[in-house]
Amino acid sequence: MEKVVHLLRTRPSADRAALGAALAGAVAGLVDLGCSDVAVHVADDTVGIAGPMPCGDGELPLRAAVSAWVPAHDLVAPAEVLAELERRFGLSGLEEKTRRGATP
């Protein structure tokens, strides 16, 4: 087993609610790839303190982290996990269910 963690940085003006919805919807796709214990952490706009990772000059702020355990790098490559996250970006969980023919 190997743990894969992707840190996502976005512009401060980005819609973080949409980011959170897209990442939450990606959990099923990551599980389908063979990942387990998928965790999604998104910055909370209502918290008035700075995040845990300060930005350097010119860096975009950290907005989310997605982690998952994969069976082995040769069975589920980190690139596959990243591709699933990219595929799901901007797609809600309900839209994904509809595409798969599942009842929302």
PDB file of N, CA and C in Angstrom:
ATOM      1  N   MET A   1       0.842  -1.180   0.000  1.00  0.00           N
ATOM      2  CA  MET A   1       0.000   0.000   0.000  1.00  0.00           C
ATOM      3  C   MET A   1       0.887   1.242   0.000  1.00  0.00           C
ATOM      4  N   GLU A   2       0.410   2.246  -0.727  1.00  0.00           N
ATOM      5  CA  GLU A   2       1.107   3.526  -0.773  1.00  0.00           C
ATOM      6  C   GLU A   2       0.087   4.634  -0.636  1.00  0.00           C
ATOM      7  N   LYS A   3       0.445   5.694   0.048  1.00  0.00           N
ATOM      8  CA  LYS A   3      -0.450   6.833   0.188  1.00  0.00           C
ATOM      9  C   LYS A   3      -0.049   7.906  -0.811  1.00  0.00           C
ATOM     10  N   VAL A   4      -1.045   8.381  -1.534  1.00  0.00           N
ATOM     11  CA  VAL A   4      -0.847   9.451  -2.509  1.00  0.00           C
ATOM     12  C   VAL A   4      -1.575  10.682  -1.972  1.00  0.00           C
ATOM     13  N   VAL A   5      -0.893  11.809  -1.937  1.00  0.00           N
ATOM     14  CA  VAL A   5      -1.497  13.062  -1.477  1.00  0.00           C
ATOM     15  C   VAL A   5      -1.281  14.116  -2.562  1.00  0.00           C
ATOM     16  N   HIS A   6      -2.379  14.732  -2.990  1.00  0.00           N
ATOM     17  CA  HIS A   6      -2.297  15.824  -3.970  1.00  0.00           C
ATOM     18  C   HIS A   6      -2.725  17.104  -3.272  1.00  0.00           C
ATOM     19  N   LEU A   7      -1.886  18.126  -3.372  1.00  0.00           N
ATOM     20  CA  LEU A   7      -2.209  19.442  -2.834  1.00  0.00           C
ATOM     21  C   LEU A   7      -2.649  20.312  -3.997  1.00  0.00           C
ATOM     22  N   LEU A   8      -3.767  20.988  -3.823  1.00  0.00           N
ATOM     23  CA  LEU A   8      -4.319  21.816  -4.896  1.00  0.00           C
ATOM     24  C   LEU A   8      -4.274  23.281  -4.511  1.00  0.00           C
ATOM     25  N   ARG A   9      -3.730  24.069  -5.394  1.00  0.00           N
ATOM     26  CA  ARG A   9      -3.644  25.516  -5.185  1.00  0.00           C
ATOM     27  C   ARG A   9      -4.521  26.188  -6.237  1.00  0.00           C
ATOM     28  N   THR A  10      -5.287  27.187  -5.805  1.00  0.00           N
ATOM     29  CA  THR A  10      -6.128  27.933  -6.740  1.00  0.00           C
ATOM     30  C   THR A  10      -6.025  29.416  -6.419  1.00  0.00           C
ATOM     31  N   ARG A  11      -6.497  30.201  -7.343  1.00  0.00           N
ATOM     32  CA  ARG A  11      -6.526  31.647  -7.141  1.00  0.00           C
ATOM     33  C   ARG A  11      -7.481  31.984  -5.999  1.00  0.00           C
ATOM     34  N   PRO A  12      -7.209  33.035  -5.247  1.00  0.00           N
ATOM     35  CA  PRO A  12      -8.114  33.419  -4.154  1.00  0.00           C
ATOM     36  C   PRO A  12      -9.538  33.686  -4.627  1.00  0.00           C
ATOM     37  N   SER A  13      -9.701  34.087  -5.885  1.00  0.00           N
ATOM     38  CA  SER A  13     -11.033  34.385  -6.408  1.00  0.00           C
ATOM     39  C   SER A  13     -11.790  33.136  -6.857  1.00  0.00           C
ATOM     40  N   ALA A  14     -11.153  31.980  -6.855  1.00  0.00           N
ATOM     41  CA  ALA A  14     -11.804  30.748  -7.323  1.00  0.00           C
ATOM     42  C   ALA A  14     -12.964  30.368  -6.411  1.00  0.00           C
ATOM     43  N   ASP A  15     -13.977  29.765  -6.985  1.00  0.00           N
ATOM     44  CA  ASP A  15     -15.161  29.329  -6.240  1.00  0.00           C
ATOM     45  C   ASP A  15     -14.806  28.066  -5.456  1.00  0.00           C
ATOM     46  N   ARG A  16     -14.561  28.228  -4.159  1.00  0.00           N
ATOM     47  CA  ARG A  16     -14.135  27.086  -3.356  1.00  0.00           C
ATOM     48  C   ARG A  16     -15.270  26.115  -3.084  1.00  0.00           C
ATOM     49  N   ALA A  17     -16.504  26.590  -3.085  1.00  0.00           N
ATOM     50  CA  ALA A  17     -17.638  25.672  -2.913  1.00  0.00           C
ATOM     51  C   ALA A  17     -17.705  24.710  -4.099  1.00  0.00           C
ATOM     52  N   ALA A  18     -17.488  25.226  -5.302  1.00  0.00           N
ATOM     53  CA  ALA A  18     -17.489  24.376  -6.496  1.00  0.00           C
ATOM     54  C   ALA A  18     -16.315  23.396  -6.462  1.00  0.00           C
ATOM     55  N   LEU A  19     -15.165  23.875  -5.995  1.00  0.00           N
ATOM     56  CA  LEU A  19     -13.998  22.997  -5.866  1.00  0.00           C
ATOM     57  C   LEU A  19     -14.299  21.864  -4.899  1.00  0.00           C
ATOM     58  N   GLY A  20     -14.884  22.202  -3.753  1.00  0.00           N
ATOM     59  CA  GLY A  20     -15.227  21.186  -2.763  1.00  0.00           C
ATOM     60  C   GLY A  20     -16.212  20.168  -3.300  1.00  0.00           C
ATOM     61  N   ALA A  21     -17.228  20.628  -4.031  1.00  0.00           N
ATOM     62  CA  ALA A  21     -18.222  19.724  -4.602  1.00  0.00           C
ATOM     63  C   ALA A  21     -17.587  18.792  -5.638  1.00  0.00           C
ATOM     64  N   ALA A  22     -16.713  19.345  -6.463  1.00  0.00           N
ATOM     65  CA  ALA A  22     -16.057  18.521  -7.488  1.00  0.00           C
ATOM     66  C   ALA A  22     -15.159  17.468  -6.849  1.00  0.00           C
ATOM     67  N   LEU A  23     -14.424  17.855  -5.828  1.00  0.00           N
ATOM     68  CA  LEU A  23     -13.522  16.902  -5.181  1.00  0.00           C
ATOM     69  C   LEU A  23     -14.294  15.836  -4.410  1.00  0.00           C
ATOM     70  N   ALA A  24     -15.360  16.236  -3.748  1.00  0.00           N
ATOM     71  CA  ALA A  24     -16.179  15.256  -3.029  1.00  0.00           C
ATOM     72  C   ALA A  24     -16.780  14.256  -4.008  1.00  0.00           C
ATOM     73  N   GLY A  25     -17.164  14.735  -5.177  1.00  0.00           N
ATOM     74  CA  GLY A  25     -17.716  13.845  -6.191  1.00  0.00           C
ATOM     75  C   GLY A  25     -16.682  12.904  -6.782  1.00  0.00           C
ATOM     76  N   ALA A  26     -15.398  13.238  -6.657  1.00  0.00           N
ATOM     77  CA  ALA A  26     -14.334  12.399  -7.221  1.00  0.00           C
ATOM     78  C   ALA A  26     -14.061  11.162  -6.386  1.00  0.00           C
ATOM     79  N   VAL A  27     -14.583  11.109  -5.176  1.00  0.00           N
ATOM     80  CA  VAL A  27     -14.293   9.982  -4.281  1.00  0.00           C
ATOM     81  C   VAL A  27     -14.695   8.656  -4.922  1.00  0.00           C
ATOM     82  N   ALA A  28     -15.893   8.577  -5.503  1.00  0.00           N
ATOM     83  CA  ALA A  28     -16.351   7.328  -6.121  1.00  0.00           C
ATOM     84  C   ALA A  28     -15.419   6.889  -7.247  1.00  0.00           C
ATOM     85  N   GLY A  29     -14.964   7.835  -8.048  1.00  0.00           N
ATOM     86  CA  GLY A  29     -14.053   7.493  -9.139  1.00  0.00           C
ATOM     87  C   GLY A  29     -12.719   6.976  -8.629  1.00  0.00           C
ATOM     88  N   LEU A  30     -12.235   7.543  -7.535  1.00  0.00           N
ATOM     89  CA  LEU A  30     -10.973   7.072  -6.962  1.00  0.00           C
ATOM     90  C   LEU A  30     -11.137   5.677  -6.363  1.00  0.00           C
ATOM     91  N   VAL A  31     -12.267   5.438  -5.733  1.00  0.00           N
ATOM     92  CA  VAL A  31     -12.533   4.096  -5.192  1.00  0.00           C
ATOM     93  C   VAL A  31     -12.623   3.090  -6.336  1.00  0.00           C
ATOM     94  N   ASP A  32     -13.246   3.477  -7.454  1.00  0.00           N
ATOM     95  CA  ASP A  32     -13.323   2.598  -8.628  1.00  0.00           C
ATOM     96  C   ASP A  32     -11.938   2.241  -9.162  1.00  0.00           C
ATOM     97  N   LEU A  33     -10.963   3.137  -8.970  1.00  0.00           N
ATOM     98  CA  LEU A  33      -9.589   2.873  -9.403  1.00  0.00           C
ATOM     99  C   LEU A  33      -8.858   1.916  -8.461  1.00  0.00           C
ATOM    100  N   GLY A  34      -9.469   1.628  -7.307  1.00  0.00           N
ATOM    101  CA  GLY A  34      -8.833   0.735  -6.348  1.00  0.00           C
ATOM    102  C   GLY A  34      -8.277   1.446  -5.131  1.00  0.00           C
ATOM    103  N   CYS A  35      -8.517   2.759  -5.038  1.00  0.00           N
ATOM    104  CA  CYS A  35      -8.044   3.522  -3.882  1.00  0.00           C
ATOM    105  C   CYS A  35      -8.925   3.231  -2.668  1.00  0.00           C
ATOM    106  N   SER A  36      -8.349   3.373  -1.484  1.00  0.00           N
ATOM    107  CA  SER A  36      -9.131   3.218  -0.263  1.00  0.00           C
ATOM    108  C   SER A  36      -8.820   4.377   0.672  1.00  0.00           C
ATOM    109  N   ASP A  37      -9.678   4.550   1.667  1.00  0.00           N
ATOM    110  CA  ASP A  37      -9.506   5.618   2.659  1.00  0.00           C
ATOM    111  C   ASP A  37      -9.232   6.968   2.008  1.00  0.00           C
ATOM    112  N   VAL A  38     -10.075   7.313   1.035  1.00  0.00           N
ATOM    113  CA  VAL A  38      -9.940   8.588   0.340  1.00  0.00           C
ATOM    114  C   VAL A  38     -10.389   9.706   1.279  1.00  0.00           C
ATOM    115  N   ALA A  39      -9.582  10.741   1.396  1.00  0.00           N
ATOM    116  CA  ALA A  39      -9.921  11.894   2.231  1.00  0.00           C
ATOM    117  C   ALA A  39      -9.808  13.166   1.405  1.00  0.00           C
ATOM    118  N   VAL A  40     -10.798  14.032   1.549  1.00  0.00           N
ATOM    119  CA  VAL A  40     -10.820  15.312   0.848  1.00  0.00           C
ATOM    120  C   VAL A  40     -10.902  16.415   1.897  1.00  0.00           C
ATOM    121  N   HIS A  41      -9.965  17.341   1.854  1.00  0.00           N
ATOM    122  CA  HIS A  41      -9.941  18.473   2.787  1.00  0.00           C
ATOM    123  C   HIS A  41      -9.914  19.754   1.967  1.00  0.00           C
ATOM    124  N   VAL A  42     -10.915  20.616   2.191  1.00  0.00           N
ATOM    125  CA  VAL A  42     -11.034  21.866   1.437  1.00  0.00           C
ATOM    126  C   VAL A  42     -10.999  23.028   2.425  1.00  0.00           C
ATOM    127  N   ALA A  43     -10.302  24.099   2.057  1.00  0.00           N
ATOM    128  CA  ALA A  43     -10.226  25.290   2.906  1.00  0.00           C
ATOM    129  C   ALA A  43     -11.627  25.827   3.160  1.00  0.00           C
ATOM    130  N   ASP A  44     -11.866  26.269   4.374  1.00  0.00           N
ATOM    131  CA  ASP A  44     -13.160  26.791   4.793  1.00  0.00           C
ATOM    132  C   ASP A  44     -13.110  28.319   4.785  1.00  0.00           C
ATOM    133  N   ASP A  45     -13.923  28.931   3.933  1.00  0.00           N
ATOM    134  CA  ASP A  45     -13.924  30.391   3.817  1.00  0.00           C
ATOM    135  C   ASP A  45     -14.390  31.087   5.084  1.00  0.00           C
ATOM    136  N   THR A  46     -15.149  30.399   5.926  1.00  0.00           N
ATOM    137  CA  THR A  46     -15.701  31.051   7.108  1.00  0.00           C
ATOM    138  C   THR A  46     -14.711  31.121   8.270  1.00  0.00           C
ATOM    139  N   VAL A  47     -13.592  30.421   8.144  1.00  0.00           N
ATOM    140  CA  VAL A  47     -12.574  30.457   9.202  1.00  0.00           C
ATOM    141  C   VAL A  47     -11.693  31.672   8.967  1.00  0.00           C
ATOM    142  N   GLY A  48     -11.516  32.465   9.995  1.00  0.00           N
ATOM    143  CA  GLY A  48     -10.788  33.719   9.854  1.00  0.00           C
ATOM    144  C   GLY A  48      -9.303  33.639  10.106  1.00  0.00           C
ATOM    145  N   ILE A  49      -8.726  32.445  10.049  1.00  0.00           N
ATOM    146  CA  ILE A  49      -7.284  32.326  10.264  1.00  0.00           C
ATOM    147  C   ILE A  49      -6.616  31.836   8.990  1.00  0.00           C
ATOM    148  N   ALA A  50      -5.368  32.105   8.881  1.00  0.00           N
ATOM    149  CA  ALA A  50      -4.614  31.666   7.697  1.00  0.00           C
ATOM    150  C   ALA A  50      -4.489  30.154   7.682  1.00  0.00           C
ATOM    151  N   GLY A  51      -4.327  29.609   6.507  1.00  0.00           N
ATOM    152  CA  GLY A  51      -4.180  28.172   6.355  1.00  0.00           C
ATOM    153  C   GLY A  51      -2.865  27.664   6.912  1.00  0.00           C
ATOM    154  N   PRO A  52      -2.699  26.331   6.923  1.00  0.00           N
ATOM    155  CA  PRO A  52      -1.510  25.738   7.522  1.00  0.00           C
ATOM    156  C   PRO A  52      -0.236  25.902   6.698  1.00  0.00           C
ATOM    157  N   MET A  53      -0.382  26.241   5.427  1.00  0.00           N
ATOM    158  CA  MET A  53       0.793  26.387   4.569  1.00  0.00           C
ATOM    159  C   MET A  53       0.825  27.792   4.000  1.00  0.00           C
ATOM    160  N   PRO A  54       1.611  28.688   4.578  1.00  0.00           N
ATOM    161  CA  PRO A  54       1.671  30.038   4.021  1.00  0.00           C
ATOM    162  C   PRO A  54       2.270  30.012   2.621  1.00  0.00           C
ATOM    163  N   CYS A  55       1.832  30.932   1.814  1.00  0.00           N
ATOM    164  CA  CYS A  55       2.310  31.019   0.428  1.00  0.00           C
ATOM    165  C   CYS A  55       3.575  31.853   0.350  1.00  0.00           C
ATOM    166  N   GLY A  56       4.452  31.415  -0.507  1.00  0.00           N
ATOM    167  CA  GLY A  56       5.622  32.227  -0.807  1.00  0.00           C
ATOM    168  C   GLY A  56       5.239  33.304  -1.807  1.00  0.00           C
ATOM    169  N   ASP A  57       6.131  34.175  -2.118  1.00  0.00           N
ATOM    170  CA  ASP A  57       5.844  35.241  -3.085  1.00  0.00           C
ATOM    171  C   ASP A  57       5.434  34.642  -4.426  1.00  0.00           C
ATOM    172  N   GLY A  58       4.270  35.051  -4.902  1.00  0.00           N
ATOM    173  CA  GLY A  58       3.803  34.622  -6.213  1.00  0.00           C
ATOM    174  C   GLY A  58       3.150  33.256  -6.247  1.00  0.00           C
ATOM    175  N   GLU A  59       3.129  32.532  -5.155  1.00  0.00           N
ATOM    176  CA  GLU A  59       2.489  31.206  -5.152  1.00  0.00           C
ATOM    177  C   GLU A  59       0.999  31.330  -4.903  1.00  0.00           C
ATOM    178  N   LEU A  60       0.249  30.459  -5.530  1.00  0.00           N
ATOM    179  CA  LEU A  60      -1.186  30.406  -5.270  1.00  0.00           C
ATOM    180  C   LEU A  60      -1.418  29.748  -3.918  1.00  0.00           C
ATOM    181  N   PRO A  61      -2.477  30.171  -3.194  1.00  0.00           N
ATOM    182  CA  PRO A  61      -2.727  29.586  -1.872  1.00  0.00           C
ATOM    183  C   PRO A  61      -3.221  28.146  -1.961  1.00  0.00           C
ATOM    184  N   LEU A  62      -2.867  27.375  -0.960  1.00  0.00           N
ATOM    185  CA  LEU A  62      -3.325  26.003  -0.856  1.00  0.00           C
ATOM    186  C   LEU A  62      -4.815  26.023  -0.528  1.00  0.00           C
ATOM    187  N   ARG A  63      -5.625  25.341  -1.330  1.00  0.00           N
ATOM    188  CA  ARG A  63      -7.070  25.357  -1.131  1.00  0.00           C
ATOM    189  C   ARG A  63      -7.636  23.998  -0.775  1.00  0.00           C
ATOM    190  N   ALA A  64      -6.925  22.929  -1.125  1.00  0.00           N
ATOM    191  CA  ALA A  64      -7.467  21.600  -0.845  1.00  0.00           C
ATOM    192  C   ALA A  64      -6.348  20.567  -0.852  1.00  0.00           C
ATOM    193  N   ALA A  65      -6.640  19.452  -0.202  1.00  0.00           N
ATOM    194  CA  ALA A  65      -5.742  18.298  -0.213  1.00  0.00           C
ATOM    195  C   ALA A  65      -6.613  17.058  -0.392  1.00  0.00           C
ATOM    196  N   VAL A  66      -6.178  16.177  -1.253  1.00  0.00           N
ATOM    197  CA  VAL A  66      -6.866  14.904  -1.470  1.00  0.00           C
ATOM    198  C   VAL A  66      -5.844  13.808  -1.217  1.00  0.00           C
ATOM    199  N   SER A  67      -6.192  12.860  -0.351  1.00  0.00           N
ATOM    200  CA  SER A  67      -5.279  11.753  -0.089  1.00  0.00           C
ATOM    201  C   SER A  67      -6.018  10.436  -0.256  1.00  0.00           C
ATOM    202  N   ALA A  68      -5.284   9.429  -0.666  1.00  0.00           N
ATOM    203  CA  ALA A  68      -5.866   8.106  -0.864  1.00  0.00           C
ATOM    204  C   ALA A  68      -4.770   7.061  -0.774  1.00  0.00           C
ATOM    205  N   TRP A  69      -5.137   5.896  -0.295  1.00  0.00           N
ATOM    206  CA  TRP A  69      -4.224   4.758  -0.287  1.00  0.00           C
ATOM    207  C   TRP A  69      -4.445   3.985  -1.573  1.00  0.00           C
ATOM    208  N   VAL A  70      -3.370   3.668  -2.270  1.00  0.00           N
ATOM    209  CA  VAL A  70      -3.442   2.850  -3.483  1.00  0.00           C
ATOM    210  C   VAL A  70      -2.759   1.520  -3.186  1.00  0.00           C
ATOM    211  N   PRO A  71      -3.238   0.434  -3.840  1.00  0.00           N
ATOM    212  CA  PRO A  71      -2.665  -0.882  -3.547  1.00  0.00           C
ATOM    213  C   PRO A  71      -1.152  -0.935  -3.779  1.00  0.00           C
ATOM    214  N   ALA A  72      -0.706  -0.379  -4.882  1.00  0.00           N
ATOM    215  CA  ALA A  72       0.724  -0.327  -5.203  1.00  0.00           C
ATOM    216  C   ALA A  72       0.878   0.580  -6.412  1.00  0.00           C
ATOM    217  N   HIS A  73       2.021   1.226  -6.525  1.00  0.00           N
ATOM    218  CA  HIS A  73       2.200   2.180  -7.615  1.00  0.00           C
ATOM    219  C   HIS A  73       2.092   1.522  -8.983  1.00  0.00           C
ATOM    220  N   ASP A  74       2.315   0.220  -9.062  1.00  0.00           N
ATOM    221  CA  ASP A  74       2.216  -0.435 -10.362  1.00  0.00           C
ATOM    222  C   ASP A  74       0.797  -0.944 -10.645  1.00  0.00           C
ATOM    223  N   LEU A  75      -0.121  -0.832  -9.683  1.00  0.00           N
ATOM    224  CA  LEU A  75      -1.521  -1.198  -9.915  1.00  0.00           C
ATOM    225  C   LEU A  75      -2.392   0.043 -10.125  1.00  0.00           C
ATOM    226  N   VAL A  76      -2.171   1.070  -9.335  1.00  0.00           N
ATOM    227  CA  VAL A  76      -2.861   2.349  -9.501  1.00  0.00           C
ATOM    228  C   VAL A  76      -1.799   3.435  -9.392  1.00  0.00           C
ATOM    229  N   ALA A  77      -1.418   3.956 -10.521  1.00  0.00           N
ATOM    230  CA  ALA A  77      -0.363   4.966 -10.545  1.00  0.00           C
ATOM    231  C   ALA A  77      -0.887   6.296 -10.022  1.00  0.00           C
ATOM    232  N   PRO A  78      -0.045   7.060  -9.329  1.00  0.00           N
ATOM    233  CA  PRO A  78      -0.465   8.394  -8.891  1.00  0.00           C
ATOM    234  C   PRO A  78      -1.005   9.237 -10.052  1.00  0.00           C
ATOM    235  N   ALA A  79      -0.473   9.032 -11.248  1.00  0.00           N
ATOM    236  CA  ALA A  79      -0.963   9.776 -12.414  1.00  0.00           C
ATOM    237  C   ALA A  79      -2.423   9.451 -12.707  1.00  0.00           C
ATOM    238  N   GLU A  80      -2.849   8.203 -12.449  1.00  0.00           N
ATOM    239  CA  GLU A  80      -4.259   7.847 -12.639  1.00  0.00           C
ATOM    240  C   GLU A  80      -5.143   8.570 -11.641  1.00  0.00           C
ATOM    241  N   VAL A  81      -4.658   8.701 -10.414  1.00  0.00           N
ATOM    242  CA  VAL A  81      -5.415   9.425  -9.381  1.00  0.00           C
ATOM    243  C   VAL A  81      -5.559  10.883  -9.800  1.00  0.00           C
ATOM    244  N   LEU A  82      -4.474  11.494 -10.229  1.00  0.00           N
ATOM    245  CA  LEU A  82      -4.518  12.878 -10.668  1.00  0.00           C
ATOM    246  C   LEU A  82      -5.432  13.036 -11.882  1.00  0.00           C
ATOM    247  N   ALA A  83      -5.378  12.107 -12.828  1.00  0.00           N
ATOM    248  CA  ALA A  83      -6.248  12.174 -14.012  1.00  0.00           C
ATOM    249  C   ALA A  83      -7.715  12.118 -13.604  1.00  0.00           C
ATOM    250  N   GLU A  84      -8.045  11.294 -12.610  1.00  0.00           N
ATOM    251  CA  GLU A  84      -9.434  11.215 -12.140  1.00  0.00           C
ATOM    252  C   GLU A  84      -9.862  12.529 -11.504  1.00  0.00           C
ATOM    253  N   LEU A  85      -8.984  13.153 -10.732  1.00  0.00           N
ATOM    254  CA  LEU A  85      -9.304  14.452 -10.135  1.00  0.00           C
ATOM    255  C   LEU A  85      -9.508  15.510 -11.212  1.00  0.00           C
ATOM    256  N   GLU A  86      -8.650  15.508 -12.227  1.00  0.00           N
ATOM    257  CA  GLU A  86      -8.780  16.475 -13.318  1.00  0.00           C
ATOM    258  C   GLU A  86     -10.061  16.223 -14.114  1.00  0.00           C
ATOM    259  N   ARG A  87     -10.395  14.956 -14.342  1.00  0.00           N
ATOM    260  CA  ARG A  87     -11.605  14.611 -15.087  1.00  0.00           C
ATOM    261  C   ARG A  87     -12.842  15.119 -14.360  1.00  0.00           C
ATOM    262  N   ARG A  88     -12.822  15.044 -13.037  1.00  0.00           N
ATOM    263  CA  ARG A  88     -13.984  15.406 -12.235  1.00  0.00           C
ATOM    264  C   ARG A  88     -14.082  16.886 -11.918  1.00  0.00           C
ATOM    265  N   PHE A  89     -13.027  17.669 -12.165  1.00  0.00           N
ATOM    266  CA  PHE A  89     -13.044  19.073 -11.773  1.00  0.00           C
ATOM    267  C   PHE A  89     -14.221  19.787 -12.438  1.00  0.00           C
ATOM    268  N   GLY A  90     -15.035  20.449 -11.628  1.00  0.00           N
ATOM    269  CA  GLY A  90     -16.188  21.185 -12.141  1.00  0.00           C
ATOM    270  C   GLY A  90     -17.433  20.339 -12.352  1.00  0.00           C
ATOM    271  N   LEU A  91     -17.396  19.062 -12.010  1.00  0.00           N
ATOM    272  CA  LEU A  91     -18.526  18.163 -12.207  1.00  0.00           C
ATOM    273  C   LEU A  91     -19.066  17.760 -10.844  1.00  0.00           C
ATOM    274  N   SER A  92     -20.326  18.030 -10.607  1.00  0.00           N
ATOM    275  CA  SER A  92     -20.898  17.700  -9.299  1.00  0.00           C
ATOM    276  C   SER A  92     -21.158  16.207  -9.182  1.00  0.00           C
ATOM    277  N   GLY A  93     -21.333  15.747  -7.951  1.00  0.00           N
ATOM    278  CA  GLY A  93     -21.631  14.342  -7.707  1.00  0.00           C
ATOM    279  C   GLY A  93     -22.933  13.902  -8.365  1.00  0.00           C
ATOM    280  N   LEU A  94     -23.937  14.780  -8.366  1.00  0.00           N
ATOM    281  CA  LEU A  94     -25.217  14.437  -8.999  1.00  0.00           C
ATOM    282  C   LEU A  94     -25.069  14.287 -10.505  1.00  0.00           C
ATOM    283  N   GLU A  95     -24.278  15.169 -11.118  1.00  0.00           N
ATOM    284  CA  GLU A  95     -24.035  15.046 -12.558  1.00  0.00           C
ATOM    285  C   GLU A  95     -23.333  13.727 -12.881  1.00  0.00           C
ATOM    286  N   GLU A  96     -22.367  13.345 -12.055  1.00  0.00           N
ATOM    287  CA  GLU A  96     -21.640  12.092 -12.278  1.00  0.00           C
ATOM    288  C   GLU A  96     -22.577  10.905 -12.154  1.00  0.00           C
ATOM    289  N   LYS A  97     -23.451  10.918 -11.158  1.00  0.00           N
ATOM    290  CA  LYS A  97     -24.422   9.813 -10.988  1.00  0.00           C
ATOM    291  C   LYS A  97     -25.317   9.713 -12.208  1.00  0.00           C
ATOM    292  N   THR A  98     -25.768  10.848 -12.717  1.00  0.00           N
ATOM    293  CA  THR A  98     -26.625  10.859 -13.898  1.00  0.00           C
ATOM    294  C   THR A  98     -25.904  10.262 -15.100  1.00  0.00           C
ATOM    295  N   ARG A  99     -24.638  10.619 -15.280  1.00  0.00           N
ATOM    296  CA  ARG A  99     -23.851  10.083 -16.397  1.00  0.00           C
ATOM    297  C   ARG A  99     -23.682   8.560 -16.302  1.00  0.00           C
ATOM    298  N   ARG A 100     -23.585   8.059 -15.073  1.00  0.00           N
ATOM    299  CA  ARG A 100     -23.419   6.610 -14.902  1.00  0.00           C
ATOM    300  C   ARG A 100     -24.761   5.884 -14.943  1.00  0.00           C
ATOM    301  N   GLY A 101     -25.859   6.652 -15.010  1.00  0.00           N
ATOM    302  CA  GLY A 101     -27.181   6.034 -15.057  1.00  0.00           C
ATOM    303  C   GLY A 101     -27.719   5.681 -13.676  1.00  0.00           C
ATOM    304  N   ALA A 102     -27.057   6.157 -12.628  1.00  0.00           N
ATOM    305  CA  ALA A 102     -27.525   5.880 -11.271  1.00  0.00           C
ATOM    306  C   ALA A 102     -28.593   6.888 -10.881  1.00  0.00           C
ATOM    307  N   THR A 103     -29.464   6.508  -9.993  1.00  0.00           N
ATOM    308  CA  THR A 103     -30.502   7.403  -9.499  1.00  0.00           C
ATOM    309  C   THR A 103     -29.922   8.318  -8.439  1.00  0.00           C
ATOM    310  N   PRO A 104     -30.071   9.662  -8.627  1.00  0.00           N
ATOM    311  CA  PRO A 104     -29.508  10.589  -7.632  1.00  0.00           C
ATOM    312  C   PRO A 104     -30.195  10.488  -6.285  1.00  0.00           C
TER     313      PRO A 104
END
